[in-house]
Amino acid sequence: TRAVPESRLRGQPALHWLLFLAVFVVGVLPFWGVDRDFSDGVMGEWAYVTGRLEGMKLWLFESNWWGHYLLYAVCMKIGAVTGIPVWLVIKGWYTLVIAGLCFETWRLARHYGFGTNQALVATCLVACFPSFSIFYASSAMHIGFVWAGLAAHRWLFWNGGWRRWAGILLTVISFQVAANLCLLIVMGAIAWWLQRDRKSLHALAFTIVSAVAFYLFISIVHPPSGEY
């Protein structure tokens, strides 16, 4: 799709304010407005205060959500070192994730040839995405791996040096969210179509092979158990 020339586009300040409003009202305020709920991080807080991590560890490991447990453990460590309540640390992480998703949308839109205003509109749509409410109700850590997947794609296909190696690692880590098994392949195919070079072809091949390998691993070698 051909991007609209920058000279024809106006209203960037208004779009910046719209983006801020969308992030605050839709992406941040509901999460911070919940005082005590599962999505509030109370599970991690309770485990930290009581020192009983077995239930959370068993639930997350049985579900093949090892990365989720690691993130909770990091939040608990930050709480122990700083004295900040763990549920506040978890909320802070979630707020950072929303900002990260918006940033990655902006960067990827620009890579795909969108103009500045078009990229801002795309970022506003991501900030208002209604499925965030589903993530609120499931796990405050879950959506962080969506962010990891977007960053992994950008570093793997659009950067070089250490970022490309970090993109390889982040790609595999991001498969903690099963949707990334398909999303990153589709995004990789688009990136290869736009660039048509050997680097992007190799990156696409890696994405496909790693996604299939990860899926076979969690389906055959270590399938979900327990509640999942």
C-alpha atoms as a PDB file:
ATOM      1  CA  THR A   1       0.000   0.000   0.000  1.00  0.00           C
ATOM      2  CA  ARG A   2       1.391   3.388  -0.952  1.00  0.00           C
ATOM      3  CA  ALA A   3       1.738   5.771   1.994  1.00  0.00           C
ATOM      4  CA  VAL A   4       0.153   9.218   1.772  1.00  0.00           C
ATOM      5  CA  PRO A   5       2.876  11.898   1.417  1.00  0.00           C
ATOM      6  CA  GLU A   6       3.710  13.702   4.645  1.00  0.00           C
ATOM      7  CA  SER A   7       3.012  17.118   3.085  1.00  0.00           C
ATOM      8  CA  ARG A   8      -0.674  16.283   2.695  1.00  0.00           C
ATOM      9  CA  LEU A   9      -1.155  15.262   6.282  1.00  0.00           C
ATOM     10  CA  ARG A  10      -1.979  17.591   9.148  1.00  0.00           C
ATOM     11  CA  GLY A  11      -3.155  17.355  12.719  1.00  0.00           C
ATOM     12  CA  GLN A  12      -0.179  15.609  14.349  1.00  0.00           C
ATOM     13  CA  PRO A  13      -0.596  17.465  17.688  1.00  0.00           C
ATOM     14  CA  ALA A  14      -4.239  16.393  17.867  1.00  0.00           C
ATOM     15  CA  LEU A  15      -3.287  12.795  17.120  1.00  0.00           C
ATOM     16  CA  HIS A  16      -0.612  12.880  19.817  1.00  0.00           C
ATOM     17  CA  TRP A  17      -3.214  14.036  22.349  1.00  0.00           C
ATOM     18  CA  LEU A  18      -5.662  11.419  21.101  1.00  0.00           C
ATOM     19  CA  LEU A  19      -3.038   8.731  21.556  1.00  0.00           C
ATOM     20  CA  PHE A  20      -2.286   9.915  25.090  1.00  0.00           C
ATOM     21  CA  LEU A  21      -5.998   9.906  25.927  1.00  0.00           C
ATOM     22  CA  ALA A  22      -6.481   6.437  24.445  1.00  0.00           C
ATOM     23  CA  VAL A  23      -3.556   4.966  26.368  1.00  0.00           C
ATOM     24  CA  PHE A  24      -4.679   6.571  29.626  1.00  0.00           C
ATOM     25  CA  VAL A  25      -8.434   5.917  29.439  1.00  0.00           C
ATOM     26  CA  VAL A  26      -8.423   2.505  27.780  1.00  0.00           C
ATOM     27  CA  GLY A  27      -5.000   1.031  28.491  1.00  0.00           C
ATOM     28  CA  VAL A  28      -4.024   2.365  31.920  1.00  0.00           C
ATOM     29  CA  LEU A  29      -6.947   3.730  33.948  1.00  0.00           C
ATOM     30  CA  PRO A  30      -9.018   0.490  34.062  1.00  0.00           C
ATOM     31  CA  PHE A  31      -6.046  -1.524  35.245  1.00  0.00           C
ATOM     32  CA  TRP A  32      -5.018   0.962  37.935  1.00  0.00           C
ATOM     33  CA  GLY A  33      -8.646   1.527  38.896  1.00  0.00           C
ATOM     34  CA  VAL A  34      -9.094  -2.074  40.065  1.00  0.00           C
ATOM     35  CA  ASP A  35      -8.170  -2.130  43.727  1.00  0.00           C
ATOM     36  CA  ARG A  36      -8.048  -5.828  44.516  1.00  0.00           C
ATOM     37  CA  ASP A  37      -8.641  -8.435  41.845  1.00  0.00           C
ATOM     38  CA  PHE A  38      -6.853 -11.367  40.216  1.00  0.00           C
ATOM     39  CA  SER A  39      -5.678  -9.202  37.355  1.00  0.00           C
ATOM     40  CA  ASP A  40      -4.486  -6.679  39.917  1.00  0.00           C
ATOM     41  CA  GLY A  41      -1.499  -8.861  40.733  1.00  0.00           C
ATOM     42  CA  VAL A  42      -3.005  -9.999  44.036  1.00  0.00           C
ATOM     43  CA  MET A  43      -1.995 -13.596  43.267  1.00  0.00           C
ATOM     44  CA  GLY A  44       1.648 -12.619  43.064  1.00  0.00           C
ATOM     45  CA  GLU A  45       1.295 -10.352  46.099  1.00  0.00           C
ATOM     46  CA  TRP A  46      -0.266 -13.123  48.174  1.00  0.00           C
ATOM     47  CA  ALA A  47       2.429 -15.610  47.165  1.00  0.00           C
ATOM     48  CA  TYR A  48       5.135 -13.069  48.026  1.00  0.00           C
ATOM     49  CA  VAL A  49       3.672 -12.084  51.427  1.00  0.00           C
ATOM     50  CA  THR A  50       3.029 -15.670  52.538  1.00  0.00           C
ATOM     51  CA  GLY A  51       6.128 -17.145  50.931  1.00  0.00           C
ATOM     52  CA  ARG A  52       3.986 -19.891  49.404  1.00  0.00           C
ATOM     53  CA  LEU A  53       4.957 -19.965  45.741  1.00  0.00           C
ATOM     54  CA  GLU A  54       4.126 -23.627  45.136  1.00  0.00           C
ATOM     55  CA  GLY A  55       0.564 -23.064  43.907  1.00  0.00           C
ATOM     56  CA  MET A  56       1.479 -20.332  41.463  1.00  0.00           C
ATOM     57  CA  LYS A  57       4.528 -22.242  40.247  1.00  0.00           C
ATOM     58  CA  LEU A  58       2.545 -25.457  39.767  1.00  0.00           C
ATOM     59  CA  TRP A  59      -0.247 -23.673  37.882  1.00  0.00           C
ATOM     60  CA  LEU A  60       2.093 -21.776  35.566  1.00  0.00           C
ATOM     61  CA  PHE A  61       4.514 -24.651  34.940  1.00  0.00           C
ATOM     62  CA  GLU A  62       1.688 -27.085  34.205  1.00  0.00           C
ATOM     63  CA  SER A  63       0.343 -24.564  31.720  1.00  0.00           C
ATOM     64  CA  ASN A  64       3.758 -24.230  30.045  1.00  0.00           C
ATOM     65  CA  TRP A  65       3.876 -20.576  31.123  1.00  0.00           C
ATOM     66  CA  TRP A  66       7.430 -20.677  32.458  1.00  0.00           C
ATOM     67  CA  GLY A  67       8.094 -17.127  31.364  1.00  0.00           C
ATOM     68  CA  HIS A  68       5.063 -15.895  33.314  1.00  0.00           C
ATOM     69  CA  TYR A  69       6.444 -17.410  36.500  1.00  0.00           C
ATOM     70  CA  LEU A  70       9.816 -15.807  35.837  1.00  0.00           C
ATOM     71  CA  LEU A  71       8.200 -12.376  35.442  1.00  0.00           C
ATOM     72  CA  TYR A  72       6.265 -12.802  38.691  1.00  0.00           C
ATOM     73  CA  ALA A  73       9.495 -13.866  40.412  1.00  0.00           C
ATOM     74  CA  VAL A  74      11.290 -10.769  39.103  1.00  0.00           C
ATOM     75  CA  CYS A  75       8.477  -8.535  40.366  1.00  0.00           C
ATOM     76  CA  MET A  76       8.700 -10.195  43.775  1.00  0.00           C
ATOM     77  CA  LYS A  77      12.441  -9.660  43.854  1.00  0.00           C
ATOM     78  CA  ILE A  78      11.994  -5.976  43.021  1.00  0.00           C
ATOM     79  CA  GLY A  79       9.431  -5.714  45.818  1.00  0.00           C
ATOM     80  CA  ALA A  80      11.783  -7.401  48.276  1.00  0.00           C
ATOM     81  CA  VAL A  81      14.689  -5.116  47.394  1.00  0.00           C
ATOM     82  CA  THR A  82      12.772  -1.826  47.214  1.00  0.00           C
ATOM     83  CA  GLY A  83       9.989  -2.412  49.732  1.00  0.00           C
ATOM     84  CA  ILE A  84       7.365  -1.491  47.123  1.00  0.00           C
ATOM     85  CA  PRO A  85       4.193  -3.661  47.305  1.00  0.00           C
ATOM     86  CA  VAL A  86       4.446  -6.341  44.635  1.00  0.00           C
ATOM     87  CA  TRP A  87       1.018  -5.557  43.182  1.00  0.00           C
ATOM     88  CA  LEU A  88       2.257  -2.029  42.441  1.00  0.00           C
ATOM     89  CA  VAL A  89       5.319  -3.447  40.686  1.00  0.00           C
ATOM     90  CA  ILE A  90       3.080  -5.683  38.583  1.00  0.00           C
ATOM     91  CA  LYS A  91       0.851  -2.729  37.692  1.00  0.00           C
ATOM     92  CA  GLY A  92       3.940  -0.759  36.737  1.00  0.00           C
ATOM     93  CA  TRP A  93       5.075  -3.579  34.463  1.00  0.00           C
ATOM     94  CA  TYR A  94       1.672  -3.724  32.802  1.00  0.00           C
ATOM     95  CA  THR A  95       1.693   0.028  32.189  1.00  0.00           C
ATOM     96  CA  LEU A  96       5.137  -0.316  30.626  1.00  0.00           C
ATOM     97  CA  VAL A  97       3.825  -3.105  28.389  1.00  0.00           C
ATOM     98  CA  ILE A  98       0.965  -0.933  27.078  1.00  0.00           C
ATOM     99  CA  ALA A  99       3.456   1.815  26.269  1.00  0.00           C
ATOM    100  CA  GLY A 100       5.741  -0.754  24.650  1.00  0.00           C
ATOM    101  CA  LEU A 101       2.971  -2.109  22.434  1.00  0.00           C
ATOM    102  CA  CYS A 102       2.171   1.406  21.255  1.00  0.00           C
ATOM    103  CA  PHE A 103       5.844   2.108  20.566  1.00  0.00           C
ATOM    104  CA  GLU A 104       6.295  -1.094  18.567  1.00  0.00           C
ATOM    105  CA  THR A 105       3.168  -0.323  16.548  1.00  0.00           C
ATOM    106  CA  TRP A 106       4.605   3.085  15.699  1.00  0.00           C
ATOM    107  CA  ARG A 107       7.997   1.678  14.680  1.00  0.00           C
ATOM    108  CA  LEU A 108       6.570  -1.182  12.618  1.00  0.00           C
ATOM    109  CA  ALA A 109       4.082   1.096  10.863  1.00  0.00           C
ATOM    110  CA  ARG A 110       6.944   3.351   9.833  1.00  0.00           C
ATOM    111  CA  HIS A 111       8.952   0.345   8.608  1.00  0.00           C
ATOM    112  CA  TYR A 112       5.960  -0.735   6.525  1.00  0.00           C
ATOM    113  CA  GLY A 113       5.834   2.648   4.804  1.00  0.00           C
ATOM    114  CA  PHE A 114       3.078   4.424   6.709  1.00  0.00           C
ATOM    115  CA  GLY A 115       3.278   8.196   7.082  1.00  0.00           C
ATOM    116  CA  THR A 116       3.622   9.847  10.481  1.00  0.00           C
ATOM    117  CA  ASN A 117      -0.087  10.512  10.936  1.00  0.00           C
ATOM    118  CA  GLN A 118      -1.017   7.083   9.643  1.00  0.00           C
ATOM    119  CA  ALA A 119       1.372   5.472  12.128  1.00  0.00           C
ATOM    120  CA  LEU A 120      -0.171   7.540  14.942  1.00  0.00           C
ATOM    121  CA  VAL A 121      -3.670   6.394  13.976  1.00  0.00           C
ATOM    122  CA  ALA A 122      -2.508   2.765  13.965  1.00  0.00           C
ATOM    123  CA  THR A 123      -0.989   3.264  17.408  1.00  0.00           C
ATOM    124  CA  CYS A 124      -4.252   4.762  18.699  1.00  0.00           C
ATOM    125  CA  LEU A 125      -6.140   1.704  17.439  1.00  0.00           C
ATOM    126  CA  VAL A 126      -3.752  -0.592  19.316  1.00  0.00           C
ATOM    127  CA  ALA A 127      -4.134   1.467  22.497  1.00  0.00           C
ATOM    128  CA  CYS A 128      -7.944   1.128  22.226  1.00  0.00           C
ATOM    129  CA  PHE A 129      -7.933  -2.575  21.367  1.00  0.00           C
ATOM    130  CA  PRO A 130     -10.804  -4.175  23.349  1.00  0.00           C
ATOM    131  CA  SER A 131      -9.004  -7.480  23.907  1.00  0.00           C
ATOM    132  CA  PHE A 132      -6.871  -5.780  26.561  1.00  0.00           C
ATOM    133  CA  SER A 133      -9.828  -6.402  28.899  1.00  0.00           C
ATOM    134  CA  ILE A 134      -9.369 -10.137  28.328  1.00  0.00           C
ATOM    135  CA  PHE A 135      -5.722  -9.908  29.330  1.00  0.00           C
ATOM    136  CA  TYR A 136      -6.729  -7.970  32.457  1.00  0.00           C
ATOM    137  CA  ALA A 137      -8.864 -10.943  33.471  1.00  0.00           C
ATOM    138  CA  SER A 138      -6.289 -13.657  32.699  1.00  0.00           C
ATOM    139  CA  SER A 139      -2.774 -12.649  33.651  1.00  0.00           C
ATOM    140  CA  ALA A 140      -1.037  -9.337  34.064  1.00  0.00           C
ATOM    141  CA  MET A 141       2.089 -10.938  32.621  1.00  0.00           C
ATOM    142  CA  HIS A 142       0.555 -12.530  29.530  1.00  0.00           C
ATOM    143  CA  ILE A 143       0.461  -9.542  27.219  1.00  0.00           C
ATOM    144  CA  GLY A 144       4.124  -8.797  27.869  1.00  0.00           C
ATOM    145  CA  PHE A 145       4.984 -11.651  25.533  1.00  0.00           C
ATOM    146  CA  VAL A 146       2.932 -10.015  22.782  1.00  0.00           C
ATOM    147  CA  TRP A 147       5.191  -6.989  23.182  1.00  0.00           C
ATOM    148  CA  ALA A 148       8.210  -9.314  23.085  1.00  0.00           C
ATOM    149  CA  GLY A 149       6.960 -10.798  19.814  1.00  0.00           C
ATOM    150  CA  LEU A 150       6.613  -7.405  18.127  1.00  0.00           C
ATOM    151  CA  ALA A 151      10.050  -6.301  19.304  1.00  0.00           C
ATOM    152  CA  ALA A 152      11.508  -9.651  18.227  1.00  0.00           C
ATOM    153  CA  HIS A 153      10.095  -9.238  14.717  1.00  0.00           C
ATOM    154  CA  ARG A 154      11.429  -5.684  14.363  1.00  0.00           C
ATOM    155  CA  TRP A 155      14.907  -6.601  15.588  1.00  0.00           C
ATOM    156  CA  LEU A 156      15.083  -9.796  13.535  1.00  0.00           C
ATOM    157  CA  PHE A 157      13.847  -8.381  10.222  1.00  0.00           C
ATOM    158  CA  TRP A 158      14.642  -4.675  10.367  1.00  0.00           C
ATOM    159  CA  ASN A 159      17.874  -4.450  12.375  1.00  0.00           C
ATOM    160  CA  GLY A 160      21.363  -5.911  12.355  1.00  0.00           C
ATOM    161  CA  GLY A 161      24.132  -6.580  14.850  1.00  0.00           C
ATOM    162  CA  TRP A 162      23.282  -7.607  18.400  1.00  0.00           C
ATOM    163  CA  ARG A 163      19.619  -6.660  17.939  1.00  0.00           C
ATOM    164  CA  ARG A 164      19.179  -9.383  15.363  1.00  0.00           C
ATOM    165  CA  TRP A 165      20.557 -11.992  17.764  1.00  0.00           C
ATOM    166  CA  ALA A 166      18.333 -10.591  20.519  1.00  0.00           C
ATOM    167  CA  GLY A 167      15.419 -10.849  18.077  1.00  0.00           C
ATOM    168  CA  ILE A 168      16.130 -14.562  17.640  1.00  0.00           C
ATOM    169  CA  LEU A 169      16.032 -15.092  21.397  1.00  0.00           C
ATOM    170  CA  LEU A 170      12.946 -12.933  21.905  1.00  0.00           C
ATOM    171  CA  THR A 171      11.127 -14.745  19.096  1.00  0.00           C
ATOM    172  CA  VAL A 172      11.340 -18.068  20.929  1.00  0.00           C
ATOM    173  CA  ILE A 173      10.514 -16.483  24.291  1.00  0.00           C
ATOM    174  CA  SER A 174       7.472 -14.742  22.807  1.00  0.00           C
ATOM    175  CA  PHE A 175       5.922 -18.104  21.912  1.00  0.00           C
ATOM    176  CA  GLN A 176       4.713 -18.197  25.533  1.00  0.00           C
ATOM    177  CA  VAL A 177       1.686 -16.586  23.877  1.00  0.00           C
ATOM    178  CA  ALA A 178       0.438 -19.180  21.389  1.00  0.00           C
ATOM    179  CA  ALA A 179      -0.952 -16.540  19.005  1.00  0.00           C
ATOM    180  CA  ASN A 180       2.613 -15.477  18.249  1.00  0.00           C
ATOM    181  CA  LEU A 181       3.181 -18.855  16.594  1.00  0.00           C
ATOM    182  CA  CYS A 182       1.056 -17.574  13.693  1.00  0.00           C
ATOM    183  CA  LEU A 183       1.392 -13.808  14.065  1.00  0.00           C
ATOM    184  CA  LEU A 184       5.178 -13.708  13.720  1.00  0.00           C
ATOM    185  CA  ILE A 185       5.120 -15.959  10.650  1.00  0.00           C
ATOM    186  CA  VAL A 186       2.591 -13.703   8.907  1.00  0.00           C
ATOM    187  CA  MET A 187       4.515 -10.561   9.853  1.00  0.00           C
ATOM    188  CA  GLY A 188       7.730 -12.194   8.692  1.00  0.00           C
ATOM    189  CA  ALA A 189       6.193 -13.065   5.333  1.00  0.00           C
ATOM    190  CA  ILE A 190       5.113  -9.436   4.895  1.00  0.00           C
ATOM    191  CA  ALA A 191       8.592  -8.182   5.814  1.00  0.00           C
ATOM    192  CA  TRP A 192      10.207 -10.558   3.335  1.00  0.00           C
ATOM    193  CA  TRP A 193       7.751  -9.463   0.622  1.00  0.00           C
ATOM    194  CA  LEU A 194       8.682  -5.832   1.213  1.00  0.00           C
ATOM    195  CA  GLN A 195      12.453  -6.364   1.371  1.00  0.00           C
ATOM    196  CA  ARG A 196      13.007  -9.337  -0.953  1.00  0.00           C
ATOM    197  CA  ASP A 197      16.533 -10.006   0.281  1.00  0.00           C
ATOM    198  CA  ARG A 198      18.390 -13.015   1.631  1.00  0.00           C
ATOM    199  CA  LYS A 199      18.505 -11.669   5.186  1.00  0.00           C
ATOM    200  CA  SER A 200      14.727 -11.402   5.473  1.00  0.00           C
ATOM    201  CA  LEU A 201      14.286 -14.821   3.818  1.00  0.00           C
ATOM    202  CA  HIS A 202      16.595 -16.412   6.396  1.00  0.00           C
ATOM    203  CA  ALA A 203      14.734 -14.608   9.192  1.00  0.00           C
ATOM    204  CA  LEU A 204      11.406 -15.890   7.852  1.00  0.00           C
ATOM    205  CA  ALA A 205      12.757 -19.438   7.645  1.00  0.00           C
ATOM    206  CA  PHE A 206      13.981 -19.228  11.240  1.00  0.00           C
ATOM    207  CA  THR A 207      10.614 -17.900  12.415  1.00  0.00           C
ATOM    208  CA  ILE A 208       8.726 -20.762  10.735  1.00  0.00           C
ATOM    209  CA  VAL A 209      11.092 -23.497  11.942  1.00  0.00           C
ATOM    210  CA  SER A 210      11.237 -22.180  15.510  1.00  0.00           C
ATOM    211  CA  ALA A 211       7.444 -21.821  15.695  1.00  0.00           C
ATOM    212  CA  VAL A 212       6.876 -25.386  14.470  1.00  0.00           C
ATOM    213  CA  ALA A 213       9.577 -26.739  16.805  1.00  0.00           C
ATOM    214  CA  PHE A 214       8.138 -24.911  19.804  1.00  0.00           C
ATOM    215  CA  TYR A 215       4.626 -26.113  18.988  1.00  0.00           C
ATOM    216  CA  LEU A 216       5.787 -29.741  18.680  1.00  0.00           C
ATOM    217  CA  PHE A 217       7.675 -29.430  21.970  1.00  0.00           C
ATOM    218  CA  ILE A 218       4.677 -28.201  23.979  1.00  0.00           C
ATOM    219  CA  SER A 219       2.354 -30.629  22.185  1.00  0.00           C
ATOM    220  CA  ILE A 220       4.421 -33.812  22.436  1.00  0.00           C
ATOM    221  CA  VAL A 221       7.337 -33.452  24.840  1.00  0.00           C
ATOM    222  CA  HIS A 222       5.780 -31.154  27.449  1.00  0.00           C
ATOM    223  CA  PRO A 223       2.006 -30.858  26.879  1.00  0.00           C
ATOM    224  CA  PRO A 224      -0.092 -28.682  29.221  1.00  0.00           C
ATOM    225  CA  SER A 225      -1.560 -30.525  32.201  1.00  0.00           C
ATOM    226  CA  GLY A 226      -3.700 -29.834  35.248  1.00  0.00           C
ATOM    227  CA  GLU A 227      -6.342 -27.155  34.731  1.00  0.00           C
ATOM    228  CA  TYR A 228      -5.026 -26.517  31.198  1.00  0.00           C
END
